[in-house]
Amino acid sequence: MGRRYADVIVERLARVAAAMPGWDAATRTAFVRGERAIVDAQVRGWRREAPWAAWQHLRTGELVQYGESLAAGRFDLIEQLGAALYPN
């Protein structure tokens, strides 16, 4: 099971890495906004619960769409996901 998860993660990250050189400024900004939203959720989770608390949402399915959204360049969905994990 671990190997299958690792293979999926590597495949998705490879897609992102291959796409990055072709990103324009708007795409880079959207990527940063999405990743910032995820990091902000991690920090809010840490402050409210414990380190890496936000990633506990993997078990409940709330972060399932992160990897595919990243690979698909849907950084707007990642931004929404981060905001929903630990609302202000």
Foldseek 3Di string as FASTA:
>chain_A
DVVVVVVLLVVLVVLLVVCVVVDDPVLVVLQVLLVVLQVVLQVLLCVVPNHPNLVVCVVVPLCVCVSVCSSVSVSVVSNVSSCVSRPD
